Amino acid sequence: MENNFPKLFVPGPTHVSKEILEEFSTDQIGHRTPEISTLIDYIVDGVKEILYTNNQIFLVSHAASGLWEMGTINSVKKGVVHCVNGAFSSKWALSSNKCGFNVGVIDYEWGKGINVDDVDNYLSSGSYDVLATVHNETSTGVMSNLENISKLLKSKYPEVIWLVDAVSSMAGVKIDVDDLGIDFLLSSTQKAWGLPAGFSICSVSDRLIEKSKTVENKGYFLDVEVYEKYIKKSQTPSTPSIPHMFGLKKVIEIIKNEGIENRWMRHIQMSEYARNWAFNHGQQLFPEKGCESFTLTCIKNIKEWDINKINEQLLKRGFRMDRGYGSLRGKVFRIPHMGNIYMEDLKNYLNTFDEVLCQLKY
């Protein structure tokens, strides 16, 4: 019996196409076999190409929240500065507090991007050896400028380890890891990668691995030295989610077929279309100007549409909409346009949204 679930237009988990889901039914292979090593090698090479990096790529069979702690416990000795401008950057800072680190927090009003001068002020104290930033805050649709941070770190703080959460931008936004000098870039697969949740990816620089060797009490499960040991054998430390790996291989094939530059441009064009749709309906964007995401558009509901009623009607038409995150629910709503969502899908969704607005007399 086929389930008729609504098509997901939420910022994660995002829509997964049937051709990708079918890969999850591939016959199992052993996790200590030549077959898994061949699969891992293909995935690692593909991810390196997509991230423009020669760094180590680790494939992790759990949520990316665990990678927040992998990044910090392997790098923080003096302290870590967290740039907090939304729900997920806030949770990452909470994670560091619970790990007992010396934590500095640059706290922004939600909707604001990271200001490089603030980062400079905090790092100038000399009290921190790690910087943790979220590139694309999924809760607010804010995408901060990585280039400005990169220039600051290279020019004034070359010894600081830089950790970047790219959960809702990796594979949807061009991130030149090596050119930017990012030491630890993390993501999960249920956003712009367009896979089911439960699997994560990180890029790890040699200098973070070398620093990790000087850090004590890291435990075992998130120790990058352990991951490095196994990835050199084209394996993972523990039994991985092999179905996710088959799915990820398929996504990489799709990206190569689309063309990496074409993929970046598609996400930019869809973001422009969604923003223009919002403006044409008299709405505003929630992010400050210049910090709008390419993978999701967060709309400030100044027209005071009844988001719950709109959601009810969209569900009847086969779509699951986003109604805003946490305390922002109803005050904003988000339109995702990443991964397996193409311009035709986005137009279809927004045309249906327009029909609902007309029915509700907005």
Protein backbone atom coordinates (compact mmCIF):
# COMPACT_ATOMS: atom_id res chain seq x y z
CA MET A 1 0.00 0.00 0.00
CA GLU A 2 1.47 3.31 -1.10
CA ASN A 3 1.63 6.16 1.41
CA ASN A 4 0.38 9.51 0.16
CA PHE A 5 2.40 11.83 2.34
CA PRO A 6 2.51 15.52 1.37
CA LYS A 7 5.52 16.78 -0.58
CA LEU A 8 7.90 18.44 1.85
CA PHE A 9 8.46 22.18 1.54
CA VAL A 10 10.09 22.48 4.95
CA PRO A 11 13.80 23.30 5.44
CA GLY A 12 14.66 19.78 6.57
CA PRO A 13 14.14 17.02 6.11
CA THR A 14 13.75 18.12 2.52
CA HIS A 15 12.09 16.31 -0.35
CA VAL A 16 13.86 13.11 -1.43
CA SER A 17 13.26 11.98 -5.01
CA LYS A 18 12.24 8.42 -5.81
CA GLU A 19 15.45 7.71 -7.73
CA ILE A 20 17.45 8.50 -4.59
CA LEU A 21 15.13 6.58 -2.26
CA GLU A 22 15.46 3.53 -4.49
CA GLU A 23 19.20 3.47 -3.81
CA PHE A 24 18.43 2.79 -0.14
CA SER A 25 17.12 -0.63 -1.20
CA THR A 26 20.49 -1.68 -2.63
CA ASP A 27 21.68 -5.00 -1.26
CA GLN A 28 23.78 -4.68 1.89
CA ILE A 29 27.54 -5.11 1.79
CA GLY A 30 29.95 -5.78 4.62
CA HIS A 31 31.50 -2.77 6.32
CA ARG A 32 34.99 -4.33 6.29
CA THR A 33 35.03 -5.44 2.67
CA PRO A 34 36.64 -4.20 -0.55
CA GLU A 35 33.14 -3.24 -1.71
CA ILE A 36 32.65 -0.70 1.09
CA SER A 37 36.09 0.76 0.48
CA THR A 38 35.30 1.29 -3.19
CA LEU A 39 32.04 2.99 -2.22
CA ILE A 40 33.71 5.21 0.40
CA ASP A 41 36.49 6.20 -2.00
CA TYR A 42 33.93 7.33 -4.58
CA ILE A 43 31.98 9.34 -2.00
CA VAL A 44 35.07 10.96 -0.47
CA ASP A 45 36.44 11.98 -3.87
CA GLY A 46 33.05 13.40 -4.84
CA VAL A 47 32.62 15.37 -1.63
CA LYS A 48 36.14 16.80 -1.96
CA GLU A 49 35.27 18.03 -5.43
CA ILE A 50 32.00 19.60 -4.26
CA LEU A 51 33.76 21.33 -1.34
CA TYR A 52 36.88 22.34 -3.30
CA THR A 53 39.14 20.75 -0.71
CA ASN A 54 41.98 18.34 -0.17
CA ASN A 55 41.07 17.98 3.51
CA GLN A 56 40.10 14.68 5.07
CA ILE A 57 36.43 13.80 4.61
CA PHE A 58 34.74 11.85 7.39
CA LEU A 59 31.41 10.06 6.87
CA VAL A 60 29.41 9.87 10.08
CA SER A 61 26.28 7.85 10.78
CA HIS A 62 24.51 10.21 13.17
CA ALA A 63 23.04 13.70 13.30
CA ALA A 64 25.32 16.67 12.63
CA SER A 65 24.68 17.88 16.18
CA GLY A 66 27.32 15.33 17.18
CA LEU A 67 29.75 17.01 14.82
CA TRP A 68 29.43 20.24 16.81
CA GLU A 69 31.15 18.36 19.62
CA MET A 70 33.56 16.54 17.33
CA GLY A 71 34.80 19.94 16.19
CA THR A 72 35.18 21.46 19.64
CA ILE A 73 36.51 18.55 21.68
CA ASN A 74 39.29 18.03 19.14
CA SER A 75 40.38 21.66 18.98
CA VAL A 76 39.53 23.78 22.04
CA LYS A 77 42.31 24.25 24.59
CA LYS A 78 41.98 27.89 25.69
CA GLY A 79 38.42 28.70 24.67
CA VAL A 80 35.90 28.96 21.85
CA VAL A 81 34.03 32.00 20.51
CA HIS A 82 30.52 31.27 19.26
CA CYS A 83 28.69 33.65 16.92
CA VAL A 84 25.04 33.23 17.89
CA ASN A 85 22.34 34.61 15.59
CA GLY A 86 19.64 31.96 15.64
CA ALA A 87 18.41 28.71 17.17
CA PHE A 88 21.12 26.39 15.91
CA SER A 89 24.11 28.60 16.57
CA SER A 90 22.63 29.02 20.07
CA LYS A 91 22.42 25.24 20.55
CA TRP A 92 26.01 24.85 19.42
CA ALA A 93 27.12 27.36 22.05
CA LEU A 94 25.05 25.46 24.63
CA SER A 95 26.86 22.28 23.62
CA SER A 96 30.23 23.95 24.28
CA ASN A 97 29.05 25.21 27.65
CA LYS A 98 27.95 21.72 28.63
CA CYS A 99 31.36 20.38 27.57
CA GLY A 100 32.89 22.75 30.12
CA PHE A 101 34.82 24.94 27.69
CA ASN A 102 35.66 28.59 28.20
CA VAL A 103 32.96 30.01 25.94
CA GLY A 104 32.63 33.50 24.52
CA VAL A 105 29.32 34.37 22.86
CA ILE A 106 28.78 37.11 20.30
CA ASP A 107 25.02 37.45 20.58
CA TYR A 108 23.06 38.91 17.67
CA GLU A 109 19.43 39.79 17.19
CA TRP A 110 17.81 37.05 15.12
CA GLY A 111 17.83 38.06 11.48
CA LYS A 112 21.29 39.61 11.67
CA GLY A 113 24.41 38.23 10.04
CA ILE A 114 27.83 37.87 11.66
CA ASN A 115 29.80 41.11 11.86
CA VAL A 116 33.51 40.52 11.31
CA ASP A 117 34.44 43.48 13.55
CA ASP A 118 32.73 41.75 16.48
CA VAL A 119 34.75 38.62 15.80
CA ASP A 120 37.91 40.71 15.74
CA ASN A 121 37.07 42.30 19.10
CA TYR A 122 36.55 38.93 20.79
CA LEU A 123 39.60 37.22 19.34
CA SER A 124 41.85 40.17 20.14
CA SER A 125 41.62 39.29 23.84
CA GLY A 126 43.79 36.22 23.22
CA SER A 127 41.47 34.13 25.39
CA TYR A 128 40.21 31.90 22.58
CA ASP A 129 41.91 29.54 20.17
CA VAL A 130 38.76 28.41 18.29
CA LEU A 131 36.00 30.25 16.40
CA ALA A 132 32.64 28.54 15.76
CA THR A 133 30.24 30.00 13.21
CA VAL A 134 27.04 28.89 11.49
CA HIS A 135 27.18 29.74 7.80
CA ASN A 136 23.48 29.46 7.03
CA GLU A 137 21.15 29.79 10.04
CA THR A 138 18.24 27.55 9.11
CA SER A 139 15.98 29.09 11.76
CA THR A 140 16.19 32.59 10.29
CA GLY A 141 17.30 32.17 6.68
CA VAL A 142 20.43 34.23 7.37
CA MET A 143 23.58 33.43 5.42
CA SER A 144 26.69 35.11 6.84
CA ASN A 145 29.70 36.15 4.80
CA LEU A 146 32.47 33.57 5.10
CA GLU A 147 34.92 35.52 2.96
CA ASN A 148 35.11 38.43 5.41
CA ILE A 149 35.76 36.09 8.34
CA SER A 150 38.39 34.23 6.31
CA LYS A 151 40.27 37.46 5.54
CA LEU A 152 40.27 38.43 9.22
CA LEU A 153 41.57 35.08 10.41
CA LYS A 154 44.27 34.87 7.76
CA SER A 155 45.52 38.39 8.42
CA LYS A 156 45.30 38.63 12.22
CA TYR A 157 44.56 35.25 13.79
CA PRO A 158 46.20 32.53 11.68
CA GLU A 159 46.56 30.29 14.74
CA VAL A 160 42.80 30.22 15.47
CA ILE A 161 40.98 27.04 14.43
CA TRP A 162 37.82 27.80 12.46
CA LEU A 163 34.76 25.57 12.77
CA VAL A 164 31.82 26.12 10.40
CA ASP A 165 28.32 24.62 10.54
CA ALA A 166 27.08 24.37 6.94
CA VAL A 167 24.10 22.13 7.66
CA SER A 168 21.69 23.98 5.36
CA SER A 169 24.22 25.29 2.83
CA MET A 170 26.63 22.45 2.02
CA ALA A 171 25.85 21.06 -1.45
CA GLY A 172 23.58 24.04 -2.15
CA VAL A 173 25.98 26.97 -1.85
CA LYS A 174 29.53 27.14 -3.16
CA ILE A 175 31.94 26.86 -0.22
CA ASP A 176 35.59 26.85 -1.29
CA VAL A 177 36.95 25.20 1.84
CA ASP A 178 40.65 25.37 1.03
CA ASP A 179 40.58 28.93 -0.27
CA LEU A 180 38.66 30.10 2.80
CA GLY A 181 40.87 28.13 5.18
CA ILE A 182 38.03 26.38 7.04
CA ASP A 183 39.43 23.79 9.45
CA PHE A 184 36.21 21.94 10.17
CA LEU A 185 33.12 22.11 7.96
CA LEU A 186 30.10 20.04 8.96
CA SER A 187 26.73 19.16 7.54
CA SER A 188 23.96 16.61 7.73
CA THR A 189 22.37 15.03 4.67
CA GLN A 190 18.69 16.00 5.07
CA LYS A 191 19.02 19.56 3.75
CA ALA A 192 20.72 20.55 0.47
CA TRP A 193 22.16 17.06 -0.03
CA GLY A 194 18.57 15.88 -0.41
CA LEU A 195 18.91 12.62 1.52
CA PRO A 196 16.99 11.26 4.52
CA ALA A 197 18.18 12.34 7.95
CA GLY A 198 20.62 10.30 10.02
CA PHE A 199 23.93 10.80 8.24
CA SER A 200 26.55 13.55 8.31
CA ILE A 201 29.68 14.73 6.55
CA CYS A 202 32.62 16.79 7.71
CA SER A 203 35.78 18.18 6.15
CA VAL A 204 38.76 18.26 8.55
CA SER A 205 42.04 20.09 7.98
CA ASP A 206 45.45 18.60 8.71
CA ARG A 207 46.17 21.28 11.26
CA LEU A 208 43.02 20.46 13.24
CA ILE A 209 44.05 16.79 13.21
CA GLU A 210 47.53 17.76 14.41
CA LYS A 211 46.07 19.93 17.16
CA SER A 212 43.73 17.11 18.18
CA LYS A 213 46.81 15.02 18.96
CA THR A 214 47.67 17.52 21.72
CA VAL A 215 44.17 17.53 23.26
CA GLU A 216 43.40 15.21 26.17
CA ASN A 217 40.17 13.53 27.29
CA LYS A 218 38.48 13.47 23.89
CA GLY A 219 36.81 10.13 24.41
CA TYR A 220 36.72 7.64 21.54
CA PHE A 221 33.53 8.03 19.52
CA LEU A 222 34.23 11.58 18.26
CA ASP A 223 38.04 11.50 18.20
CA VAL A 224 39.22 12.67 14.77
CA GLU A 225 42.41 10.64 15.19
CA VAL A 226 40.27 7.51 15.22
CA TYR A 227 38.37 8.64 12.13
CA GLU A 228 41.62 9.49 10.35
CA LYS A 229 43.02 6.04 11.09
CA TYR A 230 40.01 4.36 9.50
CA ILE A 231 39.49 6.70 6.54
CA LYS A 232 43.07 5.99 5.50
CA LYS A 233 41.86 2.41 5.06
CA SER A 234 38.71 3.67 3.27
CA GLN A 235 36.58 2.54 6.18
CA THR A 236 34.69 4.01 9.14
CA PRO A 237 35.42 3.37 12.85
CA SER A 238 32.05 1.69 13.46
CA THR A 239 29.40 0.11 11.25
CA PRO A 240 28.03 2.93 9.07
CA SER A 241 24.58 3.46 7.60
CA ILE A 242 25.37 1.73 4.33
CA PRO A 243 22.01 2.65 2.72
CA HIS A 244 22.86 6.33 3.23
CA MET A 245 26.17 5.75 1.50
CA PHE A 246 24.46 4.28 -1.56
CA GLY A 247 22.09 7.25 -1.52
CA LEU A 248 24.98 9.71 -1.21
CA LYS A 249 26.76 8.07 -4.14
CA LYS A 250 23.62 8.64 -6.22
CA VAL A 251 23.40 12.30 -5.16
CA ILE A 252 27.02 12.87 -6.15
CA GLU A 253 26.27 11.32 -9.55
CA ILE A 254 23.28 13.68 -9.90
CA ILE A 255 25.41 16.69 -8.96
CA LYS A 256 28.10 15.74 -11.48
CA ASN A 257 25.45 15.29 -14.16
CA GLU A 258 23.93 18.68 -13.36
CA GLY A 259 27.34 20.35 -13.19
CA ILE A 260 28.63 21.83 -9.94
CA GLU A 261 28.53 25.44 -11.14
CA ASN A 262 25.04 24.88 -12.54
CA ARG A 263 23.96 23.59 -9.15
CA TRP A 264 25.17 26.73 -7.36
CA MET A 265 23.43 28.92 -9.95
CA ARG A 266 20.18 26.94 -9.67
CA HIS A 267 20.02 27.61 -5.93
CA ILE A 268 20.73 31.32 -6.46
CA GLN A 269 18.03 31.60 -9.12
CA MET A 270 15.46 29.82 -6.96
CA SER A 271 16.26 32.12 -4.03
CA GLU A 272 15.71 35.16 -6.26
CA TYR A 273 12.39 33.75 -7.46
CA ALA A 274 11.18 33.11 -3.89
CA ARG A 275 12.20 36.58 -2.72
CA ASN A 276 10.44 38.25 -5.63
CA TRP A 277 7.32 36.21 -4.90
CA ALA A 278 7.36 37.52 -1.32
CA PHE A 279 7.85 41.13 -2.42
CA ASN A 280 5.06 40.84 -5.01
CA HIS A 281 2.71 39.85 -2.16
CA GLY A 282 3.65 42.83 -0.02
CA GLN A 283 5.74 40.78 2.42
CA GLN A 284 9.26 41.43 3.67
CA LEU A 285 12.29 39.25 4.21
CA PHE A 286 13.35 38.43 7.76
CA PRO A 287 17.15 38.50 7.23
CA GLU A 288 18.92 41.82 7.10
CA LYS A 289 19.81 42.99 3.59
CA GLY A 290 22.84 41.24 2.17
CA CYS A 291 22.45 38.16 4.39
CA GLU A 292 19.70 36.33 2.54
CA SER A 293 20.15 32.58 2.18
CA PHE A 294 20.41 30.86 -1.20
CA THR A 295 18.82 27.63 0.09
CA LEU A 296 15.79 28.90 2.00
CA THR A 297 13.86 32.15 2.08
CA CYS A 298 12.59 33.34 5.45
CA ILE A 299 9.63 35.70 4.98
CA LYS A 300 8.53 38.20 7.62
CA ASN A 301 4.74 37.89 7.77
CA ILE A 302 3.93 41.61 7.88
CA LYS A 303 0.64 40.95 6.03
CA GLU A 304 -0.42 38.83 9.03
CA TRP A 305 -1.58 35.89 6.97
CA ASP A 306 -3.09 33.07 9.01
CA ILE A 307 -0.26 30.60 8.51
CA ASN A 308 -2.11 27.73 10.16
CA LYS A 309 -5.07 28.08 7.79
CA ILE A 310 -2.74 28.32 4.80
CA ASN A 311 -0.96 25.19 6.00
CA GLU A 312 -4.27 23.31 6.30
CA GLN A 313 -5.21 24.17 2.73
CA LEU A 314 -1.77 23.35 1.35
CA LEU A 315 -1.92 19.95 3.03
CA LYS A 316 -5.16 19.25 1.21
CA ARG A 317 -3.32 20.05 -2.02
CA GLY A 318 -0.39 17.78 -1.23
CA PHE A 319 2.20 20.13 0.28
CA ARG A 320 3.72 20.39 3.76
CA MET A 321 4.70 24.04 4.38
CA ASP A 322 6.97 25.58 6.98
CA ARG A 323 5.30 27.85 9.54
CA GLY A 324 8.37 29.38 11.16
CA TYR A 325 10.79 28.06 13.76
CA GLY A 326 10.16 28.15 17.50
CA SER A 327 9.23 31.59 18.82
CA LEU A 328 9.04 32.88 15.24
CA ARG A 329 6.17 30.55 14.27
CA GLY A 330 3.49 32.49 12.44
CA LYS A 331 5.57 35.67 12.53
CA VAL A 332 7.69 34.26 9.73
CA PHE A 333 7.46 31.33 7.35
CA ARG A 334 10.21 29.73 5.33
CA ILE A 335 10.32 28.54 1.74
CA PRO A 336 13.05 25.95 1.13
CA HIS A 337 14.57 25.66 -2.33
CA MET A 338 17.44 23.25 -2.07
CA GLY A 339 18.61 19.79 -2.97
CA ASN A 340 15.98 17.92 -4.97
CA ILE A 341 13.80 21.01 -5.36
CA TYR A 342 14.13 22.48 -8.85
CA MET A 343 12.66 25.65 -10.31
CA GLU A 344 9.65 23.76 -11.68
CA ASP A 345 8.93 22.37 -8.20
CA LEU A 346 9.24 25.79 -6.60
CA LYS A 347 6.93 27.41 -9.15
CA ASN A 348 4.39 24.64 -8.70
CA TYR A 349 4.44 25.09 -4.93
CA LEU A 350 4.13 28.89 -5.05
CA ASN A 351 1.38 28.74 -7.67
CA THR A 352 -0.54 26.42 -5.35
CA PHE A 353 0.21 28.81 -2.47
CA ASP A 354 -1.33 31.59 -4.57
CA GLU A 355 -4.49 29.52 -5.10
CA VAL A 356 -4.79 29.12 -1.33
CA LEU A 357 -4.26 32.84 -0.76
CA CYS A 358 -7.00 33.57 -3.27
CA GLN A 359 -9.35 31.10 -1.61
CA LEU A 360 -8.67 32.69 1.80
CA LYS A 361 -9.16 36.16 0.21
CA TYR A 362 -5.69 37.50 0.96
